[in-house]
Amino acid sequence: MKQMIYRSQPFGFDRAMLASILVDARRNNPRDAISGALICRQDLYLQLIEGPDAEIDALYGRITRDNRHDNIVLLLSETVDRRLFAEWAMLDDEAPSLAWSAEEVEEGALDTASPAALRGVFERLAVRARENASAAS
């Protein structure tokens, strides 16, 4: 199974555009056995997607052609044994878990971050989401 992390800049970010991205992902990802999480804020999308290799490659190809994203950079692509976000077609987070400030992102911190640091942000997000789901039930 493949796991990818990429970053992009929102093109004309607003709540309606974010909702549209999430609706598309939550509708299409289960069909393609894809799961993941999107960390978003005014200046940044940071997304982890995971699933079968061919489907992840096809999804990333569609993302690179999506006019809601600008300056897309693939940060990590690797084979994994287990999903980090198996329970979610697409979990969203409006950046409280993000470890980098807007200034650090602008200066290239994501581009030089280690794979462990990139995964760590999403691992913390997954733990928090599971804790919130348990507390709600």
C-alpha atoms as a PDB file:
ATOM      1  CA  MET A   1       0.000   0.000   0.000  1.00  0.00           C
ATOM      2  CA  LYS A   2       1.222   3.490  -0.825  1.00  0.00           C
ATOM      3  CA  GLN A   3       1.199   6.537   1.418  1.00  0.00           C
ATOM      4  CA  MET A   4       1.889  10.036   0.075  1.00  0.00           C
ATOM      5  CA  ILE A   5       2.208  13.403   1.726  1.00  0.00           C
ATOM      6  CA  TYR A   6       2.096  16.555  -0.383  1.00  0.00           C
ATOM      7  CA  ARG A   7       1.675  20.238   0.219  1.00  0.00           C
ATOM      8  CA  SER A   8       0.005  22.875  -1.892  1.00  0.00           C
ATOM      9  CA  GLN A   9      -1.270  26.398  -1.632  1.00  0.00           C
ATOM     10  CA  PRO A  10      -5.024  26.899  -1.761  1.00  0.00           C
ATOM     11  CA  PHE A  11      -6.105  28.869  -4.802  1.00  0.00           C
ATOM     12  CA  GLY A  12      -8.759  31.283  -3.532  1.00  0.00           C
ATOM     13  CA  PHE A  13      -9.213  29.545  -0.165  1.00  0.00           C
ATOM     14  CA  ASP A  14     -12.599  29.825   1.516  1.00  0.00           C
ATOM     15  CA  ARG A  15     -14.916  27.529   3.464  1.00  0.00           C
ATOM     16  CA  ALA A  16     -16.980  26.677   0.377  1.00  0.00           C
ATOM     17  CA  MET A  17     -13.922  25.517  -1.549  1.00  0.00           C
ATOM     18  CA  LEU A  18     -12.706  23.443   1.393  1.00  0.00           C
ATOM     19  CA  ALA A  19     -16.161  21.884   1.753  1.00  0.00           C
ATOM     20  CA  SER A  20     -16.135  21.024  -1.954  1.00  0.00           C
ATOM     21  CA  ILE A  21     -12.754  19.279  -1.666  1.00  0.00           C
ATOM     22  CA  LEU A  22     -13.929  17.292   1.354  1.00  0.00           C
ATOM     23  CA  VAL A  23     -17.235  16.290  -0.261  1.00  0.00           C
ATOM     24  CA  ASP A  24     -15.390  15.066  -3.365  1.00  0.00           C
ATOM     25  CA  ALA A  25     -12.878  13.107  -1.283  1.00  0.00           C
ATOM     26  CA  ARG A  26     -15.474  11.559   1.014  1.00  0.00           C
ATOM     27  CA  ARG A  27     -17.559  10.483  -1.969  1.00  0.00           C
ATOM     28  CA  ASN A  28     -14.744   9.138  -4.166  1.00  0.00           C
ATOM     29  CA  ASN A  29     -12.128   7.788  -1.749  1.00  0.00           C
ATOM     30  CA  PRO A  30     -14.158   4.824  -0.407  1.00  0.00           C
ATOM     31  CA  ARG A  31     -14.787   3.709  -3.996  1.00  0.00           C
ATOM     32  CA  ASP A  32     -11.022   3.630  -4.582  1.00  0.00           C
ATOM     33  CA  ALA A  33     -10.056   2.205  -1.148  1.00  0.00           C
ATOM     34  CA  ILE A  34      -8.308   5.479  -0.257  1.00  0.00           C
ATOM     35  CA  SER A  35      -8.152   7.070   3.176  1.00  0.00           C
ATOM     36  CA  GLY A  36      -6.303  10.062   4.531  1.00  0.00           C
ATOM     37  CA  ALA A  37      -6.302  13.441   6.189  1.00  0.00           C
ATOM     38  CA  LEU A  38      -6.157  17.042   5.041  1.00  0.00           C
ATOM     39  CA  ILE A  39      -4.642  19.742   7.225  1.00  0.00           C
ATOM     40  CA  CYS A  40      -5.738  23.094   5.915  1.00  0.00           C
ATOM     41  CA  ARG A  41      -5.401  26.759   6.598  1.00  0.00           C
ATOM     42  CA  GLN A  42      -5.475  29.985   4.588  1.00  0.00           C
ATOM     43  CA  ASP A  43      -1.941  29.538   3.177  1.00  0.00           C
ATOM     44  CA  LEU A  44      -1.538  25.767   3.079  1.00  0.00           C
ATOM     45  CA  TYR A  45      -2.949  22.351   2.361  1.00  0.00           C
ATOM     46  CA  LEU A  46      -0.908  19.487   3.798  1.00  0.00           C
ATOM     47  CA  GLN A  47      -2.428  16.138   2.908  1.00  0.00           C
ATOM     48  CA  LEU A  48      -1.697  12.487   3.554  1.00  0.00           C
ATOM     49  CA  ILE A  49      -3.374   9.970   1.229  1.00  0.00           C
ATOM     50  CA  GLU A  50      -3.034   6.201   1.497  1.00  0.00           C
ATOM     51  CA  GLY A  51      -4.300   3.184  -0.371  1.00  0.00           C
ATOM     52  CA  PRO A  52      -3.537   0.913  -3.312  1.00  0.00           C
ATOM     53  CA  ASP A  53      -0.567   2.101  -5.373  1.00  0.00           C
ATOM     54  CA  ALA A  54      -2.411   2.619  -8.668  1.00  0.00           C
ATOM     55  CA  GLU A  55      -5.305   4.460  -7.035  1.00  0.00           C
ATOM     56  CA  ILE A  56      -2.982   6.751  -5.059  1.00  0.00           C
ATOM     57  CA  ASP A  57      -0.979   7.543  -8.200  1.00  0.00           C
ATOM     58  CA  ALA A  58      -4.217   8.295 -10.090  1.00  0.00           C
ATOM     59  CA  LEU A  59      -5.533  10.497  -7.264  1.00  0.00           C
ATOM     60  CA  TYR A  60      -2.277  12.438  -7.029  1.00  0.00           C
ATOM     61  CA  GLY A  61      -2.434  12.957 -10.793  1.00  0.00           C
ATOM     62  CA  ARG A  62      -5.946  14.415 -10.450  1.00  0.00           C
ATOM     63  CA  ILE A  63      -4.813  16.645  -7.583  1.00  0.00           C
ATOM     64  CA  THR A  64      -1.964  18.059  -9.697  1.00  0.00           C
ATOM     65  CA  ARG A  65      -4.552  19.058 -12.328  1.00  0.00           C
ATOM     66  CA  ASP A  66      -7.064  20.463  -9.804  1.00  0.00           C
ATOM     67  CA  ASN A  67      -7.322  24.254 -10.054  1.00  0.00           C
ATOM     68  CA  ARG A  68      -8.127  24.509  -6.329  1.00  0.00           C
ATOM     69  CA  HIS A  69      -4.439  23.771  -5.632  1.00  0.00           C
ATOM     70  CA  ASP A  70      -1.373  25.805  -6.555  1.00  0.00           C
ATOM     71  CA  ASN A  71       2.363  25.053  -6.141  1.00  0.00           C
ATOM     72  CA  ILE A  72       1.908  21.357  -5.391  1.00  0.00           C
ATOM     73  CA  VAL A  73       4.996  19.621  -3.989  1.00  0.00           C
ATOM     74  CA  LEU A  74       5.253  15.903  -3.247  1.00  0.00           C
ATOM     75  CA  LEU A  75       7.011  15.629   0.119  1.00  0.00           C
ATOM     76  CA  LEU A  76       6.897  11.879   0.767  1.00  0.00           C
ATOM     77  CA  SER A  77       5.871   8.747  -1.085  1.00  0.00           C
ATOM     78  CA  GLU A  78       6.483   5.346   0.456  1.00  0.00           C
ATOM     79  CA  THR A  79       5.157   1.846   0.900  1.00  0.00           C
ATOM     80  CA  VAL A  80       3.490   1.173   4.257  1.00  0.00           C
ATOM     81  CA  ASP A  81       2.052  -1.914   5.923  1.00  0.00           C
ATOM     82  CA  ARG A  82      -0.865  -0.250   7.656  1.00  0.00           C
ATOM     83  CA  ARG A  83      -3.113   2.740   7.241  1.00  0.00           C
ATOM     84  CA  LEU A  84      -2.876   5.695   9.563  1.00  0.00           C
ATOM     85  CA  PHE A  85      -6.426   6.875   8.758  1.00  0.00           C
ATOM     86  CA  ALA A  86      -8.296   3.627   8.092  1.00  0.00           C
ATOM     87  CA  GLU A  87     -11.456   4.988   9.740  1.00  0.00           C
ATOM     88  CA  TRP A  88     -11.694   8.088   7.565  1.00  0.00           C
ATOM     89  CA  ALA A  89     -12.247   8.565   3.840  1.00  0.00           C
ATOM     90  CA  MET A  90     -10.830  12.046   4.480  1.00  0.00           C
ATOM     91  CA  LEU A  91     -10.340  13.509   7.935  1.00  0.00           C
ATOM     92  CA  ASP A  92      -9.987  17.269   7.966  1.00  0.00           C
ATOM     93  CA  ASP A  93      -8.152  19.468  10.429  1.00  0.00           C
ATOM     94  CA  GLU A  94      -7.941  23.222  10.325  1.00  0.00           C
ATOM     95  CA  ALA A  95      -4.312  23.298  11.446  1.00  0.00           C
ATOM     96  CA  PRO A  96      -4.234  23.179  15.249  1.00  0.00           C
ATOM     97  CA  SER A  97      -2.022  20.101  14.896  1.00  0.00           C
ATOM     98  CA  LEU A  98       0.326  21.677  12.380  1.00  0.00           C
ATOM     99  CA  ALA A  99       3.782  22.175  13.847  1.00  0.00           C
ATOM    100  CA  TRP A 100       5.002  24.849  11.441  1.00  0.00           C
ATOM    101  CA  SER A 101       4.098  28.534  11.416  1.00  0.00           C
ATOM    102  CA  ALA A 102       3.153  30.380   8.234  1.00  0.00           C
ATOM    103  CA  GLU A 103       6.586  32.008   8.275  1.00  0.00           C
ATOM    104  CA  GLU A 104       8.358  28.645   8.582  1.00  0.00           C
ATOM    105  CA  VAL A 105       6.301  27.226   5.706  1.00  0.00           C
ATOM    106  CA  GLU A 106       7.127  30.287   3.597  1.00  0.00           C
ATOM    107  CA  GLU A 107      10.834  29.739   4.348  1.00  0.00           C
ATOM    108  CA  GLY A 108      10.655  26.094   3.185  1.00  0.00           C
ATOM    109  CA  ALA A 109      10.345  24.155   6.451  1.00  0.00           C
ATOM    110  CA  LEU A 110       8.018  21.564   4.930  1.00  0.00           C
ATOM    111  CA  ASP A 111      10.348  20.992   1.999  1.00  0.00           C
ATOM    112  CA  THR A 112      13.249  20.200   4.337  1.00  0.00           C
ATOM    113  CA  ALA A 113      11.287  18.356   7.030  1.00  0.00           C
ATOM    114  CA  SER A 114      12.283  14.758   7.657  1.00  0.00           C
ATOM    115  CA  PRO A 115       9.880  11.951   6.777  1.00  0.00           C
ATOM    116  CA  ALA A 116       9.492  11.305  10.519  1.00  0.00           C
ATOM    117  CA  ALA A 117       8.524  14.929  11.189  1.00  0.00           C
ATOM    118  CA  LEU A 118       5.978  14.905   8.354  1.00  0.00           C
ATOM    119  CA  ARG A 119       4.453  11.607   9.493  1.00  0.00           C
ATOM    120  CA  GLY A 120       4.535  12.787  13.111  1.00  0.00           C
ATOM    121  CA  VAL A 121       2.093  15.618  12.423  1.00  0.00           C
ATOM    122  CA  PHE A 122      -0.374  13.148  10.920  1.00  0.00           C
ATOM    123  CA  GLU A 123       0.210  10.559  13.660  1.00  0.00           C
ATOM    124  CA  ARG A 124      -0.702  13.173  16.292  1.00  0.00           C
ATOM    125  CA  LEU A 125      -3.766  14.129  14.273  1.00  0.00           C
ATOM    126  CA  ALA A 126      -4.883  10.474  14.053  1.00  0.00           C
ATOM    127  CA  VAL A 127      -4.483   9.968  17.808  1.00  0.00           C
ATOM    128  CA  ARG A 128      -6.442  13.139  18.576  1.00  0.00           C
ATOM    129  CA  ALA A 129      -9.214  12.217  16.121  1.00  0.00           C
ATOM    130  CA  ARG A 130      -9.582   8.743  17.654  1.00  0.00           C
ATOM    131  CA  GLU A 131      -9.697  10.241  21.167  1.00  0.00           C
ATOM    132  CA  ASN A 132     -12.377  12.740  20.069  1.00  0.00           C
ATOM    133  CA  ALA A 133     -14.414   9.964  18.428  1.00  0.00           C
ATOM    134  CA  SER A 134     -14.214   7.842  21.600  1.00  0.00           C
ATOM    135  CA  ALA A 135     -15.256  10.754  23.787  1.00  0.00           C
ATOM    136  CA  ALA A 136     -18.225  11.487  21.520  1.00  0.00           C
ATOM    137  CA  SER A 137     -19.556   7.932  21.644  1.00  0.00           C
END
